[in-house]
Protein backbone atom coordinates (compact mmCIF):
# COMPACT_ATOMS: atom_id res chain seq x y z
CA MET A 1 59.93 -17.12 -35.24
CA VAL A 2 56.77 -18.60 -36.89
CA TYR A 3 55.61 -21.51 -35.58
CA LYS A 4 54.10 -23.79 -38.59
CA THR A 5 51.99 -27.13 -39.04
CA LYS A 6 52.06 -29.29 -42.26
CA THR A 7 49.11 -31.16 -43.49
CA SER A 8 49.78 -34.70 -45.24
CA ALA A 9 47.95 -34.05 -48.38
CA PRO A 10 49.73 -34.03 -51.44
CA LYS A 11 50.02 -30.78 -54.08
CA ALA A 12 47.91 -31.07 -56.67
CA SER A 13 49.68 -30.48 -59.95
CA ALA A 14 46.53 -29.17 -61.82
CA GLY A 15 45.71 -27.23 -58.55
CA VAL A 16 42.40 -29.18 -58.25
CA THR A 17 42.07 -30.13 -54.29
CA SER A 18 39.72 -29.79 -51.41
CA ALA A 19 39.83 -27.21 -48.59
CA SER A 20 39.55 -29.63 -46.07
CA LEU A 21 43.15 -30.95 -46.56
CA ILE A 22 44.19 -27.52 -45.46
CA PHE A 23 42.18 -28.14 -42.21
CA ALA A 24 43.38 -31.21 -41.38
CA GLY A 25 46.92 -30.21 -40.56
CA LEU A 26 46.28 -26.90 -38.52
CA ALA A 27 45.81 -26.77 -34.68
CA THR A 28 46.34 -24.10 -31.97
CA ALA A 29 44.59 -24.23 -28.45
CA ARG A 30 44.10 -20.37 -28.53
CA THR A 31 41.74 -17.97 -30.09
CA GLY A 32 42.75 -15.55 -32.47
CA ALA A 33 45.35 -17.40 -34.46
CA CYS A 34 46.43 -16.19 -37.81
CA VAL A 35 47.26 -17.93 -40.50
CA ARG A 36 50.34 -15.78 -42.32
CA ALA A 37 50.64 -18.07 -45.45
CA ALA A 38 49.97 -21.42 -47.22
CA VAL A 39 53.08 -22.40 -48.99
CA ALA A 40 53.62 -25.13 -51.39
CA SER A 41 56.38 -27.81 -50.63
CA THR A 42 57.66 -31.00 -51.58
CA GLY A 43 54.84 -33.41 -51.50
CA LYS A 44 52.90 -31.45 -48.86
CA VAL A 45 51.25 -27.77 -47.90
CA THR A 46 52.56 -25.64 -45.20
CA VAL A 47 50.30 -23.31 -43.35
CA TYR A 48 52.07 -20.87 -41.26
CA LEU A 49 50.49 -19.32 -38.09
CA ASN A 50 51.37 -16.24 -35.73
CA LYS A 51 53.91 -17.76 -32.97
CA ALA A 52 51.62 -16.11 -30.09
CA SER A 53 48.35 -18.48 -31.07
CA CYS A 54 50.33 -21.61 -31.56
CA LEU A 55 52.10 -22.28 -28.56
CA PRO A 56 53.13 -25.57 -27.41
CA THR A 57 50.44 -27.52 -25.80
CA ALA A 58 50.00 -31.03 -24.70
CA ASP A 59 48.10 -32.08 -27.95
CA GLY A 60 51.20 -31.57 -30.05
CA CYS A 61 55.12 -31.98 -30.19
CA ARG A 62 57.89 -29.28 -30.41
CA ARG A 63 60.95 -29.68 -32.47
CA GLY A 64 63.86 -27.24 -32.72
CA GLY A 65 61.14 -24.44 -31.81
CA VAL A 66 58.70 -25.78 -33.89
CA ARG A 67 55.33 -27.27 -33.06
CA TYR A 68 53.91 -29.73 -35.43
CA ALA A 69 50.36 -30.49 -34.77
CA ARG A 70 48.61 -33.57 -34.03
CA ARG A 71 45.20 -32.89 -34.23
CA PRO A 72 42.91 -30.19 -35.77
CA MET A 73 41.48 -27.54 -33.75
CA THR A 74 41.74 -24.25 -35.59
CA THR A 75 38.13 -22.54 -36.44
CA LEU A 76 37.06 -20.88 -39.64
CA ASP A 77 37.07 -17.43 -37.91
CA GLU A 78 40.76 -17.95 -37.20
CA LEU A 79 41.57 -18.91 -40.68
CA LEU A 80 40.00 -16.12 -42.14
CA PHE A 81 41.63 -13.38 -40.00
CA ARG A 82 42.70 -10.12 -41.65
CA PRO A 83 45.55 -8.46 -40.54
CA GLY A 84 45.44 -4.55 -39.75
CA PRO A 85 47.80 -1.92 -41.56
CA GLY A 86 51.50 -3.36 -42.35
CA PRO A 87 54.47 -3.55 -42.69
CA HIS A 88 53.25 -6.98 -43.67
CA ARG A 89 56.82 -8.90 -43.60
CA THR A 90 56.90 -12.34 -42.14
CA THR A 91 59.13 -15.43 -42.08
CA LEU A 92 58.53 -18.63 -43.73
CA THR A 93 60.62 -21.83 -44.11
CA ILE A 94 61.00 -22.31 -47.81
CA ASP A 95 62.71 -25.61 -49.16
CA GLY A 96 64.32 -25.73 -45.70
CA ARG A 97 65.52 -22.30 -45.76
CA SER A 98 64.09 -19.47 -43.44
CA VAL A 99 62.82 -16.56 -45.70
CA GLU A 100 61.51 -13.32 -45.04
CA THR A 101 58.56 -12.65 -47.39
CA LEU A 102 55.06 -10.79 -47.30
CA ALA A 103 52.16 -12.36 -45.55
CA ASP A 104 48.74 -13.51 -47.36
CA LEU A 105 46.44 -10.38 -47.01
CA PRO A 106 42.87 -12.45 -47.30
CA PRO A 107 39.77 -10.73 -48.82
CA GLU A 108 36.66 -9.83 -47.21
CA ARG A 109 34.16 -12.82 -48.45
CA GLY A 110 32.79 -11.70 -51.52
CA GLY A 111 35.56 -9.24 -52.22
CA LEU A 112 38.32 -9.38 -54.80
CA LEU A 113 41.48 -11.17 -54.54
CA PHE A 114 44.47 -10.21 -56.55
CA VAL A 115 47.02 -12.63 -57.42
CA GLY A 116 50.68 -11.60 -58.59
CA LEU A 117 53.69 -14.03 -59.20
CA ASN A 118 55.84 -13.81 -56.13
CA PRO A 119 56.98 -10.74 -53.77
CA SER A 120 59.78 -8.59 -55.30
CA LEU A 121 62.97 -7.76 -53.22
CA ILE A 122 62.03 -4.24 -53.19
CA SER A 123 58.61 -4.94 -51.69
CA VAL A 124 59.50 -7.14 -48.96
CA ALA A 125 62.37 -4.59 -47.69
CA ALA A 126 59.33 -2.02 -47.67
CA GLY A 127 56.98 -4.63 -46.04
CA HIS A 128 54.08 -3.68 -48.53
CA TYR A 129 52.92 -5.24 -51.90
CA HIS A 130 54.05 -4.25 -55.60
CA GLN A 131 56.23 -1.34 -54.28
CA GLY A 132 58.71 -1.83 -57.50
CA ASN A 133 58.07 -0.02 -60.75
CA LEU A 134 55.49 -2.32 -62.00
CA GLY A 135 53.90 -2.60 -58.66
CA ARG A 136 53.49 1.09 -58.69
CA ARG A 137 51.95 1.07 -61.98
CA PHE A 138 49.40 -1.42 -60.54
CA TRP A 139 48.68 0.72 -57.54
CA SER A 140 48.04 3.53 -59.77
CA ARG A 141 45.73 1.88 -62.40
CA LEU A 142 43.58 0.61 -59.01
CA GLY A 143 43.38 4.45 -57.83
CA ARG A 144 42.21 5.40 -61.25
CA ILE A 145 39.06 3.25 -61.16
CA GLY A 146 38.32 3.81 -57.40
CA ILE A 147 39.36 0.32 -56.12
CA VAL A 148 41.53 1.88 -53.68
CA PRO A 149 41.46 5.97 -52.87
CA SER A 150 43.34 7.92 -55.93
CA ASP A 151 45.10 9.58 -53.27
CA ALA A 152 46.60 6.69 -51.50
CA THR A 153 50.25 6.38 -51.19
CA VAL A 154 52.16 3.52 -52.57
CA GLU A 155 53.39 2.58 -49.42
CA ALA A 156 49.99 2.11 -47.93
CA ALA A 157 48.01 1.15 -50.75
CA ASP A 158 47.90 -2.44 -49.84
CA ASP A 159 46.19 -1.38 -46.85
CA ALA A 160 43.73 0.83 -48.27
CA LEU A 161 43.11 -1.96 -50.67
CA MET A 162 42.24 -4.24 -47.60
CA ALA A 163 39.93 -1.75 -46.02
CA ALA A 164 38.12 -1.87 -49.14
CA GLY A 165 37.37 -5.60 -48.86
CA HIS A 166 39.84 -6.91 -51.18
CA GLY A 167 42.95 -8.94 -50.73
CA LEU A 168 46.34 -10.10 -52.14
CA THR A 169 48.47 -12.98 -52.35
CA ASP A 170 50.97 -14.55 -54.61
CA LEU A 171 51.79 -17.90 -56.46
CA ILE A 172 54.41 -18.36 -54.60
CA LYS A 173 56.19 -16.56 -51.60
CA ARG A 174 60.03 -17.09 -52.50
CA PRO A 175 61.02 -13.47 -53.14
CA THR A 176 63.22 -12.91 -56.40
CA PRO A 177 64.18 -10.12 -58.50
CA ARG A 178 61.28 -9.45 -60.81
CA ASP A 179 60.02 -12.36 -63.18
CA ARG A 180 62.85 -15.03 -62.25
CA ALA A 181 60.80 -17.76 -60.47
CA SER A 182 60.81 -20.57 -62.91
CA ASP A 183 57.70 -22.12 -64.23
CA ALA A 184 58.03 -24.96 -62.50
CA GLU A 185 58.45 -23.29 -59.21
CA LEU A 186 55.26 -21.16 -59.98
CA THR A 187 53.28 -24.25 -60.63
CA ALA A 188 54.29 -25.78 -57.39
CA GLY A 189 51.77 -22.80 -55.81
CA VAL A 190 48.94 -23.41 -57.68
CA GLY A 191 47.44 -25.93 -55.25
CA ALA A 192 47.85 -23.32 -52.21
CA LEU A 193 46.09 -20.83 -54.23
CA TRP A 194 43.03 -23.11 -54.91
CA GLN A 195 43.15 -23.61 -51.03
CA LYS A 196 43.30 -20.15 -50.17
CA ILE A 197 40.70 -19.23 -52.85
CA ALA A 198 38.39 -21.97 -51.22
CA LEU A 199 38.93 -20.99 -47.52
CA TRP A 200 38.54 -17.11 -48.39
CA ARG A 201 35.74 -17.09 -50.91
CA PRO A 202 36.44 -14.25 -52.99
CA GLY A 203 33.69 -13.08 -55.42
CA ALA A 204 36.36 -13.34 -58.17
CA VAL A 205 39.93 -14.01 -58.76
CA VAL A 206 42.02 -11.28 -60.77
CA PHE A 207 45.74 -12.06 -61.82
CA ILE A 208 48.03 -9.13 -62.17
CA TYR A 209 50.07 -10.78 -64.85
CA LYS A 210 49.44 -13.07 -67.70
CA ARG A 211 52.12 -15.59 -66.78
CA ALA A 212 50.27 -16.18 -63.21
CA ALA A 213 46.73 -16.46 -65.27
CA THR A 214 48.24 -19.23 -67.72
CA ILE A 215 49.99 -21.34 -65.09
CA SER A 216 47.30 -21.22 -62.69
CA ALA A 217 44.87 -22.18 -65.34
CA GLY A 218 47.42 -24.72 -67.21
CA ARG A 219 47.06 -23.50 -70.16
CA ASP A 220 47.50 -20.30 -72.48
CA PHE A 221 44.88 -17.70 -73.53
CA GLY A 222 44.71 -15.50 -76.67
CA ALA A 223 43.30 -12.39 -74.92
CA SER A 224 45.70 -10.09 -72.93
CA TRP A 225 43.00 -9.04 -70.51
CA GLY A 226 39.44 -9.87 -69.34
CA GLN A 227 37.37 -12.82 -68.09
CA LEU A 228 39.22 -16.03 -68.60
CA ASP A 229 36.61 -18.21 -70.75
CA GLY A 230 36.23 -21.42 -68.84
CA VAL A 231 38.41 -20.93 -65.80
CA ALA A 232 36.98 -20.78 -62.19
CA MET A 233 39.20 -21.68 -59.02
CA GLY A 234 36.94 -22.89 -56.08
CA GLY A 235 34.07 -21.95 -58.21
CA ARG A 236 34.90 -18.31 -58.41
CA PRO A 237 35.61 -16.33 -62.13
CA CYS A 238 39.03 -15.44 -62.78
CA PHE A 239 40.31 -12.07 -64.54
CA LEU A 240 43.34 -10.90 -66.33
CA MET A 241 44.25 -6.95 -65.86
CA PRO A 242 45.78 -5.43 -68.87
CA GLY A 243 49.80 -6.30 -68.87
CA PRO A 244 51.94 -3.36 -67.71
CA TYR A 245 52.78 -2.41 -71.54
CA ALA A 246 49.39 -2.83 -72.85
CA ALA A 247 47.81 -0.50 -75.10
CA VAL A 248 46.24 2.33 -73.83
CA GLU A 249 42.81 1.54 -75.25
CA ASP A 250 43.35 -2.21 -73.78
CA VAL A 251 44.25 -0.75 -70.37
CA ASP A 252 41.10 1.63 -70.57
CA GLU A 253 38.71 -1.43 -71.43
CA GLY A 254 40.39 -3.66 -69.22
CA LEU A 255 40.47 -1.39 -66.16
CA ASN A 256 36.73 -0.35 -66.85
CA LEU A 257 35.76 -4.01 -66.66
CA ILE A 258 37.72 -4.65 -63.16
CA ARG A 259 36.01 -1.43 -62.25
CA ASN A 260 32.34 -2.86 -62.81
CA LEU A 261 33.41 -5.96 -61.39
CA ALA A 262 33.90 -4.70 -58.01
CA LYS A 263 31.06 -2.52 -58.01
CA ALA A 264 28.85 -5.48 -58.79
CA LEU A 265 30.49 -7.58 -55.95
CA THR A 266 29.72 -4.65 -53.48
CA ASP A 267 26.49 -3.40 -54.57
């Protein structure tokens, strides 16, 4: 079971929101709390904590095994907790249903945050990010440019990315077969993404797929890769990786940009 707290803050349709909104609904009386994910739902953002760090206390109430907080007590260090090696499966309540999905993997402050659309069913089953055919291509590309070791296995590539100081999340956490989530559903996750970026403070945001970038920015882009002109989330510049079927020249140039970006952030 995963305990959850809910903010009273409405989602921002354009993704513009204050990081303080997410703090307002968090509570735990124990140190070492871990935020597993922030999920947008109707009119609210729900934040999921590890059950061991969110035990019922006098300052909260418990209904149906779920503790709802009455006052904030979570520290910034707890919100920035980065889990160890996977598997990274977790169970969240999405639209009133218990759903097995993947937990967020926050970057170190100043690292890269890679953003996908939503977890695939095969990735959830494996307990690791991007385990399908397109996901394996993503890991191969990161290995080519040294963001993860070239000899890292696909099954442990997300752990290698975390070890390098970077992180992973998705617009929404409901798993589906590839690219089945609707635009409306993905758009509902933009507010939570803004809050994660404001809390985690990555050096840059890198969208893995163009669809995630256009939905997050609220507009289309002519370019198929590169920095997204005029787009910053939480004050962080945003970039787009070359698509999985991009021309070889575009892939080489786009990956070189991401490699130089990562190097600039870590130097």
